[in-house]
């Protein structure tokens, strides 16, 4: 379902205007930009837990650091994460 939602977003997103003609008779073509992979996931799949128990600011710091570490471990070039809550 997430993939279908992403495809619908791309389908109905506003299109960019076509490029205006140039006066250069031999323009150098630009290489196509690499398409980025989109990963749809839930937050609980990133942090591997379904709840957090927070009693103090130290708990907040601990869970935020855990989330940051997990995201950095899973990131790679050309990847977009859509994280659902």
PDB file of N, CA and C in Angstrom:
ATOM      1  N   UNK A   1       0.826  -1.195   0.000  1.00  0.00           N
ATOM      2  CA  UNK A   1       0.000   0.000   0.000  1.00  0.00           C
ATOM      3  C   UNK A   1       0.872   1.261   0.000  1.00  0.00           C
ATOM      4  N   UNK A   2       2.000   1.230   0.745  1.00  0.00           N
ATOM      5  CA  UNK A   2       2.875   2.399   0.773  1.00  0.00           C
ATOM      6  C   UNK A   2       3.434   2.681  -0.619  1.00  0.00           C
ATOM      7  N   UNK A   3       3.811   1.630  -1.328  1.00  0.00           N
ATOM      8  CA  UNK A   3       4.365   1.810  -2.660  1.00  0.00           C
ATOM      9  C   UNK A   3       3.326   2.418  -3.588  1.00  0.00           C
ATOM     10  N   UNK A   4       2.073   1.949  -3.481  1.00  0.00           N
ATOM     11  CA  UNK A   4       1.011   2.498  -4.306  1.00  0.00           C
ATOM     12  C   UNK A   4       0.785   3.972  -3.993  1.00  0.00           C
ATOM     13  N   UNK A   5       0.852   4.342  -2.704  1.00  0.00           N
ATOM     14  CA  UNK A   5       0.665   5.741  -2.328  1.00  0.00           C
ATOM     15  C   UNK A   5       1.777   6.601  -2.910  1.00  0.00           C
ATOM     16  N   UNK A   6       3.007   6.101  -2.871  1.00  0.00           N
ATOM     17  CA  UNK A   6       4.136   6.844  -3.434  1.00  0.00           C
ATOM     18  C   UNK A   6       3.966   7.002  -4.946  1.00  0.00           C
ATOM     19  N   UNK A   7       3.532   5.951  -5.624  1.00  0.00           N
ATOM     20  CA  UNK A   7       3.322   6.033  -7.075  1.00  0.00           C
ATOM     21  C   UNK A   7       2.230   7.044  -7.409  1.00  0.00           C
ATOM     22  N   UNK A   8       1.169   7.086  -6.609  1.00  0.00           N
ATOM     23  CA  UNK A   8       0.112   8.073  -6.836  1.00  0.00           C
ATOM     24  C   UNK A   8       0.624   9.489  -6.606  1.00  0.00           C
ATOM     25  N   UNK A   9       1.474   9.659  -5.578  1.00  0.00           N
ATOM     26  CA  UNK A   9       2.075  10.976  -5.339  1.00  0.00           C
ATOM     27  C   UNK A   9       2.863  11.429  -6.560  1.00  0.00           C
ATOM     28  N   UNK A  10       3.664  10.519  -7.122  1.00  0.00           N
ATOM     29  CA  UNK A  10       4.458  10.871  -8.305  1.00  0.00           C
ATOM     30  C   UNK A  10       3.564  11.156  -9.503  1.00  0.00           C
ATOM     31  N   UNK A  11       2.484  10.402  -9.630  1.00  0.00           N
ATOM     32  CA  UNK A  11       1.580  10.555 -10.773  1.00  0.00           C
ATOM     33  C   UNK A  11       0.884  11.923 -10.754  1.00  0.00           C
ATOM     34  N   UNK A  12       0.435  12.345  -9.578  1.00  0.00           N
ATOM     35  CA  UNK A  12      -0.335  13.574  -9.482  1.00  0.00           C
ATOM     36  C   UNK A  12       0.481  14.794  -9.053  1.00  0.00           C
ATOM     37  N   UNK A  13       1.766  14.637  -8.868  1.00  0.00           N
ATOM     38  CA  UNK A  13       2.619  15.773  -8.511  1.00  0.00           C
ATOM     39  C   UNK A  13       2.688  16.746  -9.684  1.00  0.00           C
ATOM     40  N   UNK A  14       2.799  18.041  -9.416  1.00  0.00           N
ATOM     41  CA  UNK A  14       2.892  19.002 -10.520  1.00  0.00           C
ATOM     42  C   UNK A  14       4.133  18.726 -11.361  1.00  0.00           C
ATOM     43  N   UNK A  15       3.942  18.770 -12.643  1.00  0.00           N
ATOM     44  CA  UNK A  15       5.039  18.517 -13.581  1.00  0.00           C
ATOM     45  C   UNK A  15       5.831  19.805 -13.800  1.00  0.00           C
ATOM     46  N   UNK A  16       7.124  19.645 -14.039  1.00  0.00           N
ATOM     47  CA  UNK A  16       7.962  20.806 -14.316  1.00  0.00           C
ATOM     48  C   UNK A  16       7.717  21.260 -15.751  1.00  0.00           C
ATOM     49  N   UNK A  17       7.950  22.535 -15.991  1.00  0.00           N
ATOM     50  CA  UNK A  17       7.731  23.089 -17.326  1.00  0.00           C
ATOM     51  C   UNK A  17       8.781  22.546 -18.292  1.00  0.00           C
ATOM     52  N   UNK A  18       8.392  22.349 -19.571  1.00  0.00           N
ATOM     53  CA  UNK A  18       9.382  21.863 -20.540  1.00  0.00           C
ATOM     54  C   UNK A  18      10.469  22.911 -20.747  1.00  0.00           C
ATOM     55  N   UNK A  19      11.700  22.481 -21.038  1.00  0.00           N
ATOM     56  CA  UNK A  19      12.788  23.448 -21.223  1.00  0.00           C
ATOM     57  C   UNK A  19      12.559  24.318 -22.455  1.00  0.00           C
ATOM     58  N   UNK A  20      12.992  25.568 -22.328  1.00  0.00           N
ATOM     59  CA  UNK A  20      12.870  26.511 -23.438  1.00  0.00           C
ATOM     60  C   UNK A  20      13.941  26.200 -24.483  1.00  0.00           C
ATOM     61  N   UNK A  21      13.629  26.395 -25.761  1.00  0.00           N
ATOM     62  CA  UNK A  21      14.637  26.122 -26.795  1.00  0.00           C
ATOM     63  C   UNK A  21      15.847  27.041 -26.626  1.00  0.00           C
ATOM     64  N   UNK A  22      17.023  26.490 -26.906  1.00  0.00           N
ATOM     65  CA  UNK A  22      18.254  27.253 -26.774  1.00  0.00           C
ATOM     66  C   UNK A  22      18.764  27.645 -28.149  1.00  0.00           C
ATOM     67  N   UNK A  23      19.677  28.593 -28.168  1.00  0.00           N
ATOM     68  CA  UNK A  23      20.238  29.030 -29.446  1.00  0.00           C
ATOM     69  C   UNK A  23      21.429  28.183 -29.854  1.00  0.00           C
ATOM     70  N   UNK A  24      21.942  27.360 -28.959  1.00  0.00           N
ATOM     71  CA  UNK A  24      23.080  26.503 -29.250  1.00  0.00           C
ATOM     72  C   UNK A  24      22.603  25.313 -30.098  1.00  0.00           C
ATOM     73  N   UNK A  25      23.115  25.147 -31.336  1.00  0.00           N
ATOM     74  CA  UNK A  25      22.626  24.065 -32.184  1.00  0.00           C
ATOM     75  C   UNK A  25      23.067  22.670 -31.710  1.00  0.00           C
ATOM     76  N   UNK A  26      24.144  22.576 -30.957  1.00  0.00           N
ATOM     77  CA  UNK A  26      24.632  21.281 -30.470  1.00  0.00           C
ATOM     78  C   UNK A  26      24.748  21.288 -28.949  1.00  0.00           C
ATOM     79  N   UNK A  27      23.627  21.302 -28.250  1.00  0.00           N
ATOM     80  CA  UNK A  27      23.721  21.319 -26.788  1.00  0.00           C
ATOM     81  C   UNK A  27      24.237  19.981 -26.279  1.00  0.00           C
ATOM     82  N   UNK A  28      25.016  20.067 -25.215  1.00  0.00           N
ATOM     83  CA  UNK A  28      25.498  18.843 -24.588  1.00  0.00           C
ATOM     84  C   UNK A  28      24.397  18.315 -23.688  1.00  0.00           C
ATOM     85  N   UNK A  29      24.006  17.066 -23.901  1.00  0.00           N
ATOM     86  CA  UNK A  29      22.936  16.521 -23.054  1.00  0.00           C
ATOM     87  C   UNK A  29      23.432  16.290 -21.637  1.00  0.00           C
ATOM     88  N   UNK A  30      22.574  16.584 -20.694  1.00  0.00           N
ATOM     89  CA  UNK A  30      22.898  16.364 -19.291  1.00  0.00           C
ATOM     90  C   UNK A  30      22.664  14.886 -18.978  1.00  0.00           C
ATOM     91  N   UNK A  31      23.543  14.303 -18.187  1.00  0.00           N
ATOM     92  CA  UNK A  31      23.305  12.914 -17.808  1.00  0.00           C
ATOM     93  C   UNK A  31      22.076  12.840 -16.903  1.00  0.00           C
ATOM     94  N   UNK A  32      21.283  11.802 -17.035  1.00  0.00           N
ATOM     95  CA  UNK A  32      20.091  11.714 -16.186  1.00  0.00           C
ATOM     96  C   UNK A  32      20.477  11.549 -14.729  1.00  0.00           C
ATOM     97  N   UNK A  33      19.694  12.181 -13.873  1.00  0.00           N
ATOM     98  CA  UNK A  33      19.942  12.061 -12.442  1.00  0.00           C
ATOM     99  C   UNK A  33      19.528  10.671 -11.991  1.00  0.00           C
ATOM    100  N   UNK A  34      20.303  10.047 -11.135  1.00  0.00           N
ATOM    101  CA  UNK A  34      19.923   8.712 -10.678  1.00  0.00           C
ATOM    102  C   UNK A  34      18.634   8.770  -9.868  1.00  0.00           C
ATOM    103  N   UNK A  35      17.750   7.837 -10.138  1.00  0.00           N
ATOM    104  CA  UNK A  35      16.484   7.801  -9.414  1.00  0.00           C
ATOM    105  C   UNK A  35      16.736   7.272  -8.009  1.00  0.00           C
ATOM    106  N   UNK A  36      16.179   7.945  -7.026  1.00  0.00           N
ATOM    107  CA  UNK A  36      16.383   7.549  -5.637  1.00  0.00           C
ATOM    108  C   UNK A  36      15.343   6.503  -5.249  1.00  0.00           C
ATOM    109  N   UNK A  37      15.798   5.532  -4.489  1.00  0.00           N
ATOM    110  CA  UNK A  37      14.920   4.482  -3.992  1.00  0.00           C
ATOM    111  C   UNK A  37      14.181   4.996  -2.760  1.00  0.00           C
ATOM    112  N   UNK A  38      12.879   4.736  -2.698  1.00  0.00           N
ATOM    113  CA  UNK A  38      12.077   5.162  -1.560  1.00  0.00           C
ATOM    114  C   UNK A  38      11.728   3.938  -0.722  1.00  0.00           C
ATOM    115  N   UNK A  39      12.022   4.021   0.569  1.00  0.00           N
ATOM    116  CA  UNK A  39      11.711   2.942   1.502  1.00  0.00           C
ATOM    117  C   UNK A  39      10.653   3.455   2.457  1.00  0.00           C
ATOM    118  N   UNK A  40       9.506   2.787   2.472  1.00  0.00           N
ATOM    119  CA  UNK A  40       8.436   3.120   3.405  1.00  0.00           C
ATOM    120  C   UNK A  40       8.514   2.163   4.582  1.00  0.00           C
ATOM    121  N   UNK A  41       8.591   2.708   5.790  1.00  0.00           N
ATOM    122  CA  UNK A  41       8.700   1.868   6.980  1.00  0.00           C
ATOM    123  C   UNK A  41       8.036   2.568   8.157  1.00  0.00           C
ATOM    124  N   UNK A  42       7.815   1.814   9.198  1.00  0.00           N
ATOM    125  CA  UNK A  42       7.261   2.367  10.425  1.00  0.00           C
ATOM    126  C   UNK A  42       8.385   2.629  11.416  1.00  0.00           C
ATOM    127  N   UNK A  43       8.177   3.577  12.295  1.00  0.00           N
ATOM    128  CA  UNK A  43       9.179   3.926  13.297  1.00  0.00           C
ATOM    129  C   UNK A  43       9.559   2.717  14.152  1.00  0.00           C
ATOM    130  N   UNK A  44       8.588   1.882  14.487  1.00  0.00           N
ATOM    131  CA  UNK A  44       8.892   0.724  15.338  1.00  0.00           C
ATOM    132  C   UNK A  44       9.822  -0.267  14.643  1.00  0.00           C
ATOM    133  N   UNK A  45       9.865  -0.253  13.310  1.00  0.00           N
ATOM    134  CA  UNK A  45      10.796  -1.127  12.597  1.00  0.00           C
ATOM    135  C   UNK A  45      12.209  -0.536  12.581  1.00  0.00           C
ATOM    136  N   UNK A  46      12.319   0.745  12.797  1.00  0.00           N
ATOM    137  CA  UNK A  46      13.639   1.385  12.835  1.00  0.00           C
ATOM    138  C   UNK A  46      14.258   1.214  14.212  1.00  0.00           C
ATOM    139  N   UNK A  47      13.477   1.446  15.265  1.00  0.00           N
ATOM    140  CA  UNK A  47      14.021   1.375  16.628  1.00  0.00           C
ATOM    141  C   UNK A  47      13.809   0.007  17.279  1.00  0.00           C
ATOM    142  N   UNK A  48      13.104  -0.894  16.605  1.00  0.00           N
ATOM    143  CA  UNK A  48      12.897  -2.270  17.060  1.00  0.00           C
ATOM    144  C   UNK A  48      12.215  -2.358  18.420  1.00  0.00           C
ATOM    145  N   UNK A  49      11.298  -1.467  18.665  1.00  0.00           N
ATOM    146  CA  UNK A  49      10.509  -1.515  19.892  1.00  0.00           C
ATOM    147  C   UNK A  49       9.158  -0.859  19.605  1.00  0.00           C
ATOM    148  N   UNK A  50       8.165  -1.170  20.419  1.00  0.00           N
ATOM    149  CA  UNK A  50       6.838  -0.601  20.198  1.00  0.00           C
ATOM    150  C   UNK A  50       6.496   0.528  21.148  1.00  0.00           C
ATOM    151  N   UNK A  51       7.338   0.711  22.188  1.00  0.00           N
ATOM    152  CA  UNK A  51       7.064   1.803  23.126  1.00  0.00           C
ATOM    153  C   UNK A  51       8.350   2.265  23.793  1.00  0.00           C
ATOM    154  N   UNK A  52       8.292   3.488  24.293  1.00  0.00           N
ATOM    155  CA  UNK A  52       9.408   4.058  25.054  1.00  0.00           C
ATOM    156  C   UNK A  52       8.866   4.446  26.425  1.00  0.00           C
ATOM    157  N   UNK A  53       9.660   4.236  27.448  1.00  0.00           N
ATOM    158  CA  UNK A  53       9.308   4.624  28.814  1.00  0.00           C
ATOM    159  C   UNK A  53      10.177   5.824  29.177  1.00  0.00           C
ATOM    160  N   UNK A  54       9.553   6.985  29.277  1.00  0.00           N
ATOM    161  CA  UNK A  54      10.302   8.221  29.511  1.00  0.00           C
ATOM    162  C   UNK A  54       9.908   8.792  30.862  1.00  0.00           C
ATOM    163  N   UNK A  55      10.923   8.954  31.727  1.00  0.00           N
ATOM    164  CA  UNK A  55      10.708   9.555  33.043  1.00  0.00           C
ATOM    165  C   UNK A  55      11.534  10.815  33.236  1.00  0.00           C
ATOM    166  N   UNK A  56      12.582  10.994  32.427  1.00  0.00           N
ATOM    167  CA  UNK A  56      13.462  12.140  32.640  1.00  0.00           C
ATOM    168  C   UNK A  56      14.041  12.596  31.308  1.00  0.00           C
ATOM    169  N   UNK A  57      14.743  13.723  31.348  1.00  0.00           N
ATOM    170  CA  UNK A  57      15.409  14.220  30.146  1.00  0.00           C
ATOM    171  C   UNK A  57      16.490  13.251  29.675  1.00  0.00           C
ATOM    172  N   UNK A  58      17.081  12.530  30.592  1.00  0.00           N
ATOM    173  CA  UNK A  58      18.095  11.537  30.224  1.00  0.00           C
ATOM    174  C   UNK A  58      17.471  10.428  29.368  1.00  0.00           C
ATOM    175  N   UNK A  59      16.232  10.041  29.688  1.00  0.00           N
ATOM    176  CA  UNK A  59      15.537   9.043  28.879  1.00  0.00           C
ATOM    177  C   UNK A  59      15.283   9.576  27.467  1.00  0.00           C
ATOM    178  N   UNK A  60      14.902  10.831  27.373  1.00  0.00           N
ATOM    179  CA  UNK A  60      14.676  11.449  26.059  1.00  0.00           C
ATOM    180  C   UNK A  60      15.968  11.421  25.257  1.00  0.00           C
ATOM    181  N   UNK A  61      17.068  11.829  25.881  1.00  0.00           N
ATOM    182  CA  UNK A  61      18.364  11.828  25.198  1.00  0.00           C
ATOM    183  C   UNK A  61      18.745  10.423  24.749  1.00  0.00           C
ATOM    184  N   UNK A  62      18.518   9.438  25.622  1.00  0.00           N
ATOM    185  CA  UNK A  62      18.873   8.047  25.307  1.00  0.00           C
ATOM    186  C   UNK A  62      18.100   7.555  24.083  1.00  0.00           C
ATOM    187  N   UNK A  63      16.792   7.785  24.038  1.00  0.00           N
ATOM    188  CA  UNK A  63      15.984   7.305  22.923  1.00  0.00           C
ATOM    189  C   UNK A  63      16.269   8.071  21.633  1.00  0.00           C
ATOM    190  N   UNK A  64      16.532   9.352  21.740  1.00  0.00           N
ATOM    191  CA  UNK A  64      16.874  10.138  20.542  1.00  0.00           C
ATOM    192  C   UNK A  64      18.209   9.682  19.957  1.00  0.00           C
ATOM    193  N   UNK A  65      19.178   9.392  20.812  1.00  0.00           N
ATOM    194  CA  UNK A  65      20.473   8.884  20.348  1.00  0.00           C
ATOM    195  C   UNK A  65      20.326   7.508  19.703  1.00  0.00           C
ATOM    196  N   UNK A  66      19.470   6.674  20.297  1.00  0.00           N
ATOM    197  CA  UNK A  66      19.219   5.354  19.732  1.00  0.00           C
ATOM    198  C   UNK A  66      18.605   5.484  18.338  1.00  0.00           C
ATOM    199  N   UNK A  67      17.614   6.352  18.198  1.00  0.00           N
ATOM    200  CA  UNK A  67      16.972   6.578  16.906  1.00  0.00           C
ATOM    201  C   UNK A  67      17.973   7.107  15.887  1.00  0.00           C
ATOM    202  N   UNK A  68      18.775   8.078  16.277  1.00  0.00           N
ATOM    203  CA  UNK A  68      19.783   8.656  15.390  1.00  0.00           C
ATOM    204  C   UNK A  68      20.785   7.600  14.926  1.00  0.00           C
ATOM    205  N   UNK A  69      21.249   6.762  15.853  1.00  0.00           N
ATOM    206  CA  UNK A  69      22.224   5.717  15.523  1.00  0.00           C
ATOM    207  C   UNK A  69      21.626   4.711  14.534  1.00  0.00           C
ATOM    208  N   UNK A  70      20.379   4.293  14.765  1.00  0.00           N
ATOM    209  CA  UNK A  70      19.731   3.333  13.877  1.00  0.00           C
ATOM    210  C   UNK A  70      19.528   3.920  12.478  1.00  0.00           C
ATOM    211  N   UNK A  71      19.122   5.169  12.391  1.00  0.00           N
ATOM    212  CA  UNK A  71      18.923   5.806  11.084  1.00  0.00           C
ATOM    213  C   UNK A  71      20.236   5.919  10.328  1.00  0.00           C
ATOM    214  N   UNK A  72      21.302   6.312  11.017  1.00  0.00           N
ATOM    215  CA  UNK A  72      22.609   6.430  10.367  1.00  0.00           C
ATOM    216  C   UNK A  72      23.118   5.079   9.883  1.00  0.00           C
ATOM    217  N   UNK A  73      22.869   4.015  10.650  1.00  0.00           N
ATOM    218  CA  UNK A  73      23.314   2.685  10.246  1.00  0.00           C
ATOM    219  C   UNK A  73      22.604   2.211   8.979  1.00  0.00           C
ATOM    220  N   UNK A  74      21.347   2.626   8.802  1.00  0.00           N
ATOM    221  CA  UNK A  74      20.561   2.153   7.673  1.00  0.00           C
ATOM    222  C   UNK A  74      20.628   3.057   6.449  1.00  0.00           C
ATOM    223  N   UNK A  75      21.176   4.260   6.593  1.00  0.00           N
ATOM    224  CA  UNK A  75      21.213   5.192   5.469  1.00  0.00           C
ATOM    225  C   UNK A  75      22.274   4.789   4.454  1.00  0.00           C
ATOM    226  N   UNK A  76      21.951   5.058   3.193  1.00  0.00           N
ATOM    227  CA  UNK A  76      22.926   4.893   2.130  1.00  0.00           C
ATOM    228  C   UNK A  76      22.581   5.883   1.021  1.00  0.00           C
ATOM    229  N   UNK A  77      23.533   6.111   0.147  1.00  0.00           N
ATOM    230  CA  UNK A  77      23.375   7.088  -0.938  1.00  0.00           C
ATOM    231  C   UNK A  77      22.214   6.674  -1.840  1.00  0.00           C
ATOM    232  N   UNK A  78      21.383   7.642  -2.214  1.00  0.00           N
ATOM    233  CA  UNK A  78      20.278   7.384  -3.134  1.00  0.00           C
ATOM    234  C   UNK A  78      19.061   6.750  -2.477  1.00  0.00           C
ATOM    235  N   UNK A  79      18.961   6.834  -1.167  1.00  0.00           N
ATOM    236  CA  UNK A  79      17.856   6.222  -0.444  1.00  0.00           C
ATOM    237  C   UNK A  79      17.056   7.302   0.271  1.00  0.00           C
ATOM    238  N   UNK A  80      15.757   7.212   0.145  1.00  0.00           N
ATOM    239  CA  UNK A  80      14.843   8.125   0.850  1.00  0.00           C
ATOM    240  C   UNK A  80      13.989   7.293   1.785  1.00  0.00           C
ATOM    241  N   UNK A  81      13.977   7.652   3.067  1.00  0.00           N
ATOM    242  CA  UNK A  81      13.136   6.957   4.046  1.00  0.00           C
ATOM    243  C   UNK A  81      11.854   7.739   4.249  1.00  0.00           C
ATOM    244  N   UNK A  82      10.706   7.067   4.113  1.00  0.00           N
ATOM    245  CA  UNK A  82       9.425   7.595   4.540  1.00  0.00           C
ATOM    246  C   UNK A  82       9.085   6.835   5.814  1.00  0.00           C
ATOM    247  N   UNK A  83       9.173   7.516   6.946  1.00  0.00           N
ATOM    248  CA  UNK A  83       8.932   6.856   8.223  1.00  0.00           C
ATOM    249  C   UNK A  83       7.553   7.230   8.726  1.00  0.00           C
ATOM    250  N   UNK A  84       6.730   6.209   8.934  1.00  0.00           N
ATOM    251  CA  UNK A  84       5.370   6.388   9.424  1.00  0.00           C
ATOM    252  C   UNK A  84       5.357   6.164  10.934  1.00  0.00           C
ATOM    253  N   UNK A  85       4.479   6.880  11.619  1.00  0.00           N
ATOM    254  CA  UNK A  85       4.381   6.751  13.071  1.00  0.00           C
ATOM    255  C   UNK A  85       3.167   5.940  13.444  1.00  0.00           C
TER     256      UNK A  85
END
